[in-house]
């Protein structure tokens, strides 16, 4: 697939008589123009992704499944953000099955400012507890970009498809530091409400729902649902409200900068 795309780019270059240096200038210039050409939104747009759903129940806790917990928290986060004038879309609002790709594609399709996937953790020994936030590794971004070269994910009306593909790649790379910043804010906000002893830090991975996102994106694990104590806590409405407030606060802080 990549060889075909490369061949198409070569024909376009020949057609317009562009050398290598001028091709780079054209792509960068088009990228800058595309950024300024985007219509101004009345409010920032955040896509929340309640992990799992439908036939994929996720981890099992002593009182509920992961899919139930993530949806309950996401709905509360959405309500808090909307109260602040932030536009929010959810990948699901009920118990339905979605692929990982469908989730990030939703964020790309609406050109979201942030993508936050909400999950609960589990361990083989059921002895671990605490919260952590994931971002993509640099390798993950590179592999992801090459895997997605078949078609642009973010709608870019009026742009040449090959240039749109390059812009998607650029945005994935540019969003990395913002993702890391959002993840750090997420951990800080969770620590304020759930205690320092549970802070497992910001982590990196290259094999999850964040693959494909062209905006700052994080995956937050709110706790270990299978832990005999923490699992029961996660089922409490008061704790879910704490977690939702922490996630909403981190998102608001990131958007304010």
C-alpha atoms as a PDB file:
ATOM      1  CA  UNK A   1       0.000   0.000   0.000  1.00  0.00           C
ATOM      2  CA  UNK A   2       2.811   2.426   0.849  1.00  0.00           C
ATOM      3  CA  UNK A   3       4.579   1.717  -2.435  1.00  0.00           C
ATOM      4  CA  UNK A   4       1.429   2.622  -4.305  1.00  0.00           C
ATOM      5  CA  UNK A   5       1.094   5.838  -2.349  1.00  0.00           C
ATOM      6  CA  UNK A   6       4.727   6.692  -3.036  1.00  0.00           C
ATOM      7  CA  UNK A   7       4.202   6.068  -6.737  1.00  0.00           C
ATOM      8  CA  UNK A   8       1.228   8.414  -6.742  1.00  0.00           C
ATOM      9  CA  UNK A   9       3.260  11.151  -5.074  1.00  0.00           C
ATOM     10  CA  UNK A  10       5.991  10.744  -7.693  1.00  0.00           C
ATOM     11  CA  UNK A  11       3.538  11.278 -10.534  1.00  0.00           C
ATOM     12  CA  UNK A  12       2.159  14.385  -8.839  1.00  0.00           C
ATOM     13  CA  UNK A  13       5.679  15.777  -8.416  1.00  0.00           C
ATOM     14  CA  UNK A  14       6.457  15.203 -12.096  1.00  0.00           C
ATOM     15  CA  UNK A  15       3.201  16.813 -13.128  1.00  0.00           C
ATOM     16  CA  UNK A  16       3.959  20.035 -11.262  1.00  0.00           C
ATOM     17  CA  UNK A  17       7.729  20.000 -11.906  1.00  0.00           C
ATOM     18  CA  UNK A  18       8.692  20.057  -8.239  1.00  0.00           C
ATOM     19  CA  UNK A  19      12.141  19.064  -7.018  1.00  0.00           C
ATOM     20  CA  UNK A  20      12.724  17.569  -3.549  1.00  0.00           C
ATOM     21  CA  UNK A  21      13.353  20.911  -1.860  1.00  0.00           C
ATOM     22  CA  UNK A  22      10.285  22.523  -3.371  1.00  0.00           C
ATOM     23  CA  UNK A  23       8.141  19.510  -2.369  1.00  0.00           C
ATOM     24  CA  UNK A  24       9.075  20.014   1.287  1.00  0.00           C
ATOM     25  CA  UNK A  25       8.320  23.730   1.052  1.00  0.00           C
ATOM     26  CA  UNK A  26       4.960  23.002  -0.553  1.00  0.00           C
ATOM     27  CA  UNK A  27       3.966  20.497   2.130  1.00  0.00           C
ATOM     28  CA  UNK A  28       4.989  22.750   5.024  1.00  0.00           C
ATOM     29  CA  UNK A  29       3.314  25.780   3.459  1.00  0.00           C
ATOM     30  CA  UNK A  30       0.141  23.822   2.836  1.00  0.00           C
ATOM     31  CA  UNK A  31       0.205  22.569   6.426  1.00  0.00           C
ATOM     32  CA  UNK A  32       0.408  26.127   7.779  1.00  0.00           C
ATOM     33  CA  UNK A  33      -2.377  27.284   5.481  1.00  0.00           C
ATOM     34  CA  UNK A  34      -4.523  24.304   6.470  1.00  0.00           C
ATOM     35  CA  UNK A  35      -4.155  25.126  10.150  1.00  0.00           C
ATOM     36  CA  UNK A  36      -5.249  28.717   9.673  1.00  0.00           C
ATOM     37  CA  UNK A  37      -7.999  27.722   7.249  1.00  0.00           C
ATOM     38  CA  UNK A  38      -9.823  25.599   9.824  1.00  0.00           C
ATOM     39  CA  UNK A  39     -13.099  27.202  10.883  1.00  0.00           C
ATOM     40  CA  UNK A  40     -13.007  28.648  14.398  1.00  0.00           C
ATOM     41  CA  UNK A  41     -15.055  26.571  16.782  1.00  0.00           C
ATOM     42  CA  UNK A  42     -17.457  28.176  19.212  1.00  0.00           C
ATOM     43  CA  UNK A  43     -15.964  25.931  21.897  1.00  0.00           C
ATOM     44  CA  UNK A  44     -13.173  23.375  22.241  1.00  0.00           C
ATOM     45  CA  UNK A  45     -14.181  19.862  21.228  1.00  0.00           C
ATOM     46  CA  UNK A  46     -13.276  16.846  23.348  1.00  0.00           C
ATOM     47  CA  UNK A  47     -13.995  13.218  22.514  1.00  0.00           C
ATOM     48  CA  UNK A  48     -14.369  10.923  25.522  1.00  0.00           C
ATOM     49  CA  UNK A  49     -14.039   7.190  25.034  1.00  0.00           C
ATOM     50  CA  UNK A  50     -15.619   4.939  27.692  1.00  0.00           C
ATOM     51  CA  UNK A  51     -13.506   1.811  27.324  1.00  0.00           C
ATOM     52  CA  UNK A  52     -14.960  -1.544  26.281  1.00  0.00           C
ATOM     53  CA  UNK A  53     -18.726  -2.036  25.920  1.00  0.00           C
ATOM     54  CA  UNK A  54     -21.172  -4.540  24.473  1.00  0.00           C
ATOM     55  CA  UNK A  55     -19.689  -8.009  24.118  1.00  0.00           C
ATOM     56  CA  UNK A  56     -16.352  -6.705  25.452  1.00  0.00           C
ATOM     57  CA  UNK A  57     -17.024  -6.273  29.163  1.00  0.00           C
ATOM     58  CA  UNK A  58     -13.418  -5.568  30.081  1.00  0.00           C
ATOM     59  CA  UNK A  59     -12.038  -6.448  33.491  1.00  0.00           C
ATOM     60  CA  UNK A  60     -14.330  -7.889  36.146  1.00  0.00           C
ATOM     61  CA  UNK A  61     -14.507  -6.303  39.578  1.00  0.00           C
ATOM     62  CA  UNK A  62     -16.208  -7.450  42.760  1.00  0.00           C
ATOM     63  CA  UNK A  63     -19.175  -5.170  42.082  1.00  0.00           C
ATOM     64  CA  UNK A  64     -19.218  -4.270  38.374  1.00  0.00           C
ATOM     65  CA  UNK A  65     -17.564  -4.723  34.985  1.00  0.00           C
ATOM     66  CA  UNK A  66     -15.076  -2.279  33.527  1.00  0.00           C
ATOM     67  CA  UNK A  67     -17.467  -1.311  30.732  1.00  0.00           C
ATOM     68  CA  UNK A  68     -20.018  -0.145  33.304  1.00  0.00           C
ATOM     69  CA  UNK A  69     -17.504   1.866  35.305  1.00  0.00           C
ATOM     70  CA  UNK A  70     -15.978   3.634  32.314  1.00  0.00           C
ATOM     71  CA  UNK A  71     -19.365   4.693  30.942  1.00  0.00           C
ATOM     72  CA  UNK A  72     -20.534   5.981  34.334  1.00  0.00           C
ATOM     73  CA  UNK A  73     -17.385   8.088  34.728  1.00  0.00           C
ATOM     74  CA  UNK A  74     -17.377   9.333  31.110  1.00  0.00           C
ATOM     75  CA  UNK A  75     -20.959  10.564  31.347  1.00  0.00           C
ATOM     76  CA  UNK A  76     -20.085  12.552  34.467  1.00  0.00           C
ATOM     77  CA  UNK A  77     -16.957  13.995  32.860  1.00  0.00           C
ATOM     78  CA  UNK A  78     -19.015  15.030  29.834  1.00  0.00           C
ATOM     79  CA  UNK A  79     -21.558  16.802  32.013  1.00  0.00           C
ATOM     80  CA  UNK A  80     -18.847  18.699  33.909  1.00  0.00           C
ATOM     81  CA  UNK A  81     -17.101  19.813  30.720  1.00  0.00           C
ATOM     82  CA  UNK A  82     -20.353  20.916  29.090  1.00  0.00           C
ATOM     83  CA  UNK A  83     -21.104  23.017  32.157  1.00  0.00           C
ATOM     84  CA  UNK A  84     -17.835  24.840  31.369  1.00  0.00           C
ATOM     85  CA  UNK A  85     -18.884  25.516  27.784  1.00  0.00           C
ATOM     86  CA  UNK A  86     -16.780  22.722  26.259  1.00  0.00           C
ATOM     87  CA  UNK A  87     -18.276  20.651  23.461  1.00  0.00           C
ATOM     88  CA  UNK A  88     -18.111  16.931  24.180  1.00  0.00           C
ATOM     89  CA  UNK A  89     -18.752  13.839  22.101  1.00  0.00           C
ATOM     90  CA  UNK A  90     -18.617  10.274  23.395  1.00  0.00           C
ATOM     91  CA  UNK A  91     -17.667   7.216  21.385  1.00  0.00           C
ATOM     92  CA  UNK A  92     -20.547   5.434  23.077  1.00  0.00           C
ATOM     93  CA  UNK A  93     -23.385   6.453  25.383  1.00  0.00           C
ATOM     94  CA  UNK A  94     -24.776   2.971  25.910  1.00  0.00           C
ATOM     95  CA  UNK A  95     -23.639  -0.651  26.088  1.00  0.00           C
ATOM     96  CA  UNK A  96     -22.348  -1.282  22.565  1.00  0.00           C
ATOM     97  CA  UNK A  97     -19.339  -2.966  21.002  1.00  0.00           C
ATOM     98  CA  UNK A  98     -16.764  -0.799  19.217  1.00  0.00           C
ATOM     99  CA  UNK A  99     -13.375  -1.634  17.758  1.00  0.00           C
ATOM    100  CA  UNK A 100     -10.318   0.265  18.932  1.00  0.00           C
ATOM    101  CA  UNK A 101      -9.979   1.869  15.510  1.00  0.00           C
ATOM    102  CA  UNK A 102     -13.588   3.074  15.495  1.00  0.00           C
ATOM    103  CA  UNK A 103     -12.920   4.993  18.698  1.00  0.00           C
ATOM    104  CA  UNK A 104      -9.944   7.022  17.499  1.00  0.00           C
ATOM    105  CA  UNK A 105     -11.544   7.441  14.074  1.00  0.00           C
ATOM    106  CA  UNK A 106     -14.462   9.204  15.763  1.00  0.00           C
ATOM    107  CA  UNK A 107     -12.090  11.766  17.252  1.00  0.00           C
ATOM    108  CA  UNK A 108     -10.297  12.264  13.927  1.00  0.00           C
ATOM    109  CA  UNK A 109     -13.547  12.582  12.000  1.00  0.00           C
ATOM    110  CA  UNK A 110     -14.833  15.461  14.145  1.00  0.00           C
ATOM    111  CA  UNK A 111     -11.355  17.058  14.334  1.00  0.00           C
ATOM    112  CA  UNK A 112     -11.339  16.953  18.132  1.00  0.00           C
ATOM    113  CA  UNK A 113      -8.964  19.045  20.223  1.00  0.00           C
ATOM    114  CA  UNK A 114      -8.405  16.220  22.728  1.00  0.00           C
ATOM    115  CA  UNK A 115      -9.125  12.488  22.903  1.00  0.00           C
ATOM    116  CA  UNK A 116      -9.382  10.804  26.318  1.00  0.00           C
ATOM    117  CA  UNK A 117      -9.988   7.082  26.670  1.00  0.00           C
ATOM    118  CA  UNK A 118     -11.156   5.958  30.112  1.00  0.00           C
ATOM    119  CA  UNK A 119     -10.338   2.484  31.451  1.00  0.00           C
ATOM    120  CA  UNK A 120      -9.886   0.457  34.628  1.00  0.00           C
ATOM    121  CA  UNK A 121      -6.897  -1.752  35.298  1.00  0.00           C
ATOM    122  CA  UNK A 122      -6.516  -5.372  36.410  1.00  0.00           C
ATOM    123  CA  UNK A 123      -3.642  -7.608  37.486  1.00  0.00           C
ATOM    124  CA  UNK A 124      -3.129 -11.390  37.537  1.00  0.00           C
ATOM    125  CA  UNK A 125      -2.535 -11.395  41.289  1.00  0.00           C
ATOM    126  CA  UNK A 126      -5.308  -8.914  42.102  1.00  0.00           C
ATOM    127  CA  UNK A 127      -2.931  -7.188  44.503  1.00  0.00           C
ATOM    128  CA  UNK A 128      -2.071  -4.026  42.571  1.00  0.00           C
ATOM    129  CA  UNK A 129      -3.876  -0.733  42.945  1.00  0.00           C
ATOM    130  CA  UNK A 130      -3.545   2.868  41.822  1.00  0.00           C
ATOM    131  CA  UNK A 131      -4.029   5.018  38.733  1.00  0.00           C
ATOM    132  CA  UNK A 132      -1.873   5.721  35.684  1.00  0.00           C
ATOM    133  CA  UNK A 133      -2.111   7.522  32.358  1.00  0.00           C
ATOM    134  CA  UNK A 134      -0.734   6.289  29.043  1.00  0.00           C
ATOM    135  CA  UNK A 135       0.557   8.085  25.970  1.00  0.00           C
ATOM    136  CA  UNK A 136       1.898   6.598  22.754  1.00  0.00           C
ATOM    137  CA  UNK A 137       5.586   5.852  22.425  1.00  0.00           C
ATOM    138  CA  UNK A 138       7.545   7.537  19.641  1.00  0.00           C
ATOM    139  CA  UNK A 139       7.843   4.124  18.003  1.00  0.00           C
ATOM    140  CA  UNK A 140       4.099   3.697  18.272  1.00  0.00           C
ATOM    141  CA  UNK A 141       3.485   6.996  16.506  1.00  0.00           C
ATOM    142  CA  UNK A 142       5.899   6.010  13.705  1.00  0.00           C
ATOM    143  CA  UNK A 143       4.417   2.539  13.227  1.00  0.00           C
ATOM    144  CA  UNK A 144       0.920   3.951  13.421  1.00  0.00           C
ATOM    145  CA  UNK A 145       1.619   6.581  10.783  1.00  0.00           C
ATOM    146  CA  UNK A 146       2.984   4.009   8.349  1.00  0.00           C
ATOM    147  CA  UNK A 147       0.090   1.643   8.988  1.00  0.00           C
ATOM    148  CA  UNK A 148      -2.460   4.376   8.286  1.00  0.00           C
ATOM    149  CA  UNK A 149      -0.984   5.642   5.032  1.00  0.00           C
ATOM    150  CA  UNK A 150      -3.822   4.151   2.977  1.00  0.00           C
ATOM    151  CA  UNK A 151      -6.136   7.107   3.560  1.00  0.00           C
ATOM    152  CA  UNK A 152      -6.232  10.354   5.564  1.00  0.00           C
ATOM    153  CA  UNK A 153      -8.122  10.085   8.848  1.00  0.00           C
ATOM    154  CA  UNK A 154      -8.894  13.770   9.428  1.00  0.00           C
ATOM    155  CA  UNK A 155     -11.252  15.404   6.889  1.00  0.00           C
ATOM    156  CA  UNK A 156      -9.333  18.038   4.893  1.00  0.00           C
ATOM    157  CA  UNK A 157     -11.651  19.375   2.168  1.00  0.00           C
ATOM    158  CA  UNK A 158      -9.869  20.786  -0.871  1.00  0.00           C
ATOM    159  CA  UNK A 159      -6.453  19.297  -0.104  1.00  0.00           C
ATOM    160  CA  UNK A 160      -4.627  16.841  -2.318  1.00  0.00           C
ATOM    161  CA  UNK A 161      -4.993  13.359  -0.712  1.00  0.00           C
ATOM    162  CA  UNK A 162      -1.229  12.802  -0.626  1.00  0.00           C
ATOM    163  CA  UNK A 163      -0.664  16.097   1.182  1.00  0.00           C
ATOM    164  CA  UNK A 164      -3.508  15.275   3.585  1.00  0.00           C
ATOM    165  CA  UNK A 165      -1.710  12.025   4.457  1.00  0.00           C
ATOM    166  CA  UNK A 166       1.476  13.920   5.249  1.00  0.00           C
ATOM    167  CA  UNK A 167      -0.425  16.396   7.418  1.00  0.00           C
ATOM    168  CA  UNK A 168      -1.923  13.523   9.401  1.00  0.00           C
ATOM    169  CA  UNK A 169       1.596  12.207  10.028  1.00  0.00           C
ATOM    170  CA  UNK A 170       2.833  15.652  11.093  1.00  0.00           C
ATOM    171  CA  UNK A 171      -0.065  16.156  13.490  1.00  0.00           C
ATOM    172  CA  UNK A 172       0.479  12.764  15.135  1.00  0.00           C
ATOM    173  CA  UNK A 173       4.082  13.689  15.866  1.00  0.00           C
ATOM    174  CA  UNK A 174       3.310  17.262  16.921  1.00  0.00           C
ATOM    175  CA  UNK A 175       0.656  16.094  19.385  1.00  0.00           C
ATOM    176  CA  UNK A 176       3.098  13.958  21.394  1.00  0.00           C
ATOM    177  CA  UNK A 177       4.328  16.599  23.818  1.00  0.00           C
ATOM    178  CA  UNK A 178       0.784  17.887  24.350  1.00  0.00           C
ATOM    179  CA  UNK A 179      -0.343  14.334  25.097  1.00  0.00           C
ATOM    180  CA  UNK A 180       2.440  13.993  27.663  1.00  0.00           C
ATOM    181  CA  UNK A 181       1.430  17.306  29.235  1.00  0.00           C
ATOM    182  CA  UNK A 182      -2.214  16.222  29.445  1.00  0.00           C
ATOM    183  CA  UNK A 183      -1.155  12.903  30.986  1.00  0.00           C
ATOM    184  CA  UNK A 184       0.912  14.689  33.646  1.00  0.00           C
ATOM    185  CA  UNK A 185      -2.010  16.958  34.464  1.00  0.00           C
ATOM    186  CA  UNK A 186      -4.273  13.903  34.666  1.00  0.00           C
ATOM    187  CA  UNK A 187      -1.992  12.228  37.205  1.00  0.00           C
ATOM    188  CA  UNK A 188      -1.688  15.407  39.274  1.00  0.00           C
ATOM    189  CA  UNK A 189      -5.444  15.893  39.366  1.00  0.00           C
ATOM    190  CA  UNK A 190      -6.062  12.265  40.302  1.00  0.00           C
ATOM    191  CA  UNK A 191      -3.420  12.481  43.029  1.00  0.00           C
ATOM    192  CA  UNK A 192      -5.203  15.462  44.573  1.00  0.00           C
ATOM    193  CA  UNK A 193      -8.327  13.354  44.987  1.00  0.00           C
ATOM    194  CA  UNK A 194      -7.118   9.770  45.347  1.00  0.00           C
ATOM    195  CA  UNK A 195      -3.847  10.231  47.213  1.00  0.00           C
ATOM    196  CA  UNK A 196      -0.158  10.186  46.305  1.00  0.00           C
ATOM    197  CA  UNK A 197       0.333   6.524  47.220  1.00  0.00           C
ATOM    198  CA  UNK A 198      -1.812   5.442  44.266  1.00  0.00           C
ATOM    199  CA  UNK A 199       0.064   7.514  41.660  1.00  0.00           C
ATOM    200  CA  UNK A 200       1.696   5.050  39.252  1.00  0.00           C
ATOM    201  CA  UNK A 201       2.826   7.854  36.940  1.00  0.00           C
ATOM    202  CA  UNK A 202       2.692   8.562  33.225  1.00  0.00           C
ATOM    203  CA  UNK A 203       3.486   5.533  31.083  1.00  0.00           C
ATOM    204  CA  UNK A 204       4.065   4.802  27.414  1.00  0.00           C
ATOM    205  CA  UNK A 205       2.657   2.061  25.237  1.00  0.00           C
ATOM    206  CA  UNK A 206       2.294   1.457  21.515  1.00  0.00           C
ATOM    207  CA  UNK A 207      -0.569  -1.009  21.267  1.00  0.00           C
ATOM    208  CA  UNK A 208      -3.906   0.444  22.280  1.00  0.00           C
ATOM    209  CA  UNK A 209      -6.823   2.719  21.371  1.00  0.00           C
ATOM    210  CA  UNK A 210      -4.637   5.827  20.951  1.00  0.00           C
ATOM    211  CA  UNK A 211      -3.259   4.521  17.664  1.00  0.00           C
ATOM    212  CA  UNK A 212      -4.629   6.681  14.858  1.00  0.00           C
ATOM    213  CA  UNK A 213      -5.415   9.831  16.841  1.00  0.00           C
ATOM    214  CA  UNK A 214      -4.087  13.010  15.204  1.00  0.00           C
ATOM    215  CA  UNK A 215      -4.712  15.188  18.283  1.00  0.00           C
ATOM    216  CA  UNK A 216      -3.346  15.057  21.844  1.00  0.00           C
ATOM    217  CA  UNK A 217      -4.620  11.745  23.218  1.00  0.00           C
ATOM    218  CA  UNK A 218      -4.279   9.829  26.478  1.00  0.00           C
ATOM    219  CA  UNK A 219      -5.610   6.652  28.038  1.00  0.00           C
ATOM    220  CA  UNK A 220      -6.297   6.902  31.763  1.00  0.00           C
ATOM    221  CA  UNK A 221      -6.542   3.831  33.999  1.00  0.00           C
ATOM    222  CA  UNK A 222      -8.568   5.053  36.971  1.00  0.00           C
ATOM    223  CA  UNK A 223      -7.755   2.145  39.282  1.00  0.00           C
ATOM    224  CA  UNK A 224      -7.566  -1.628  39.607  1.00  0.00           C
ATOM    225  CA  UNK A 225     -11.111  -2.876  39.395  1.00  0.00           C
ATOM    226  CA  UNK A 226     -10.150  -6.404  40.455  1.00  0.00           C
ATOM    227  CA  UNK A 227      -8.440  -5.347  43.690  1.00  0.00           C
ATOM    228  CA  UNK A 228     -10.524  -6.565  46.671  1.00  0.00           C
ATOM    229  CA  UNK A 229     -10.575  -3.099  48.252  1.00  0.00           C
ATOM    230  CA  UNK A 230     -10.064  -0.653  45.396  1.00  0.00           C
ATOM    231  CA  UNK A 231     -12.480  -2.595  43.202  1.00  0.00           C
ATOM    232  CA  UNK A 232     -15.268  -2.040  45.714  1.00  0.00           C
ATOM    233  CA  UNK A 233     -14.324   1.628  46.039  1.00  0.00           C
ATOM    234  CA  UNK A 234     -14.593   2.117  42.277  1.00  0.00           C
ATOM    235  CA  UNK A 235     -18.224   0.992  42.440  1.00  0.00           C
ATOM    236  CA  UNK A 236     -19.104   3.784  44.882  1.00  0.00           C
ATOM    237  CA  UNK A 237     -20.848   6.842  43.342  1.00  0.00           C
ATOM    238  CA  UNK A 238     -18.744   9.168  45.513  1.00  0.00           C
ATOM    239  CA  UNK A 239     -15.483   7.700  44.185  1.00  0.00           C
ATOM    240  CA  UNK A 240     -16.732   7.786  40.594  1.00  0.00           C
ATOM    241  CA  UNK A 241     -17.589  11.460  41.104  1.00  0.00           C
ATOM    242  CA  UNK A 242     -14.034  12.057  42.406  1.00  0.00           C
ATOM    243  CA  UNK A 243     -12.527  10.418  39.352  1.00  0.00           C
ATOM    244  CA  UNK A 244     -14.795  12.304  36.972  1.00  0.00           C
ATOM    245  CA  UNK A 245     -13.925  15.618  38.613  1.00  0.00           C
ATOM    246  CA  UNK A 246     -10.202  14.840  38.330  1.00  0.00           C
ATOM    247  CA  UNK A 247     -10.398  13.925  34.646  1.00  0.00           C
ATOM    248  CA  UNK A 248     -12.541  16.957  33.823  1.00  0.00           C
ATOM    249  CA  UNK A 249     -10.159  19.278  35.681  1.00  0.00           C
ATOM    250  CA  UNK A 250      -7.122  17.975  33.799  1.00  0.00           C
ATOM    251  CA  UNK A 251      -8.895  18.441  30.462  1.00  0.00           C
ATOM    252  CA  UNK A 252      -9.991  21.969  31.364  1.00  0.00           C
ATOM    253  CA  UNK A 253      -6.459  22.903  32.437  1.00  0.00           C
ATOM    254  CA  UNK A 254      -4.954  21.577  29.202  1.00  0.00           C
ATOM    255  CA  UNK A 255      -7.481  23.437  27.046  1.00  0.00           C
ATOM    256  CA  UNK A 256      -6.911  26.663  28.987  1.00  0.00           C
ATOM    257  CA  UNK A 257      -3.215  26.782  27.983  1.00  0.00           C
END
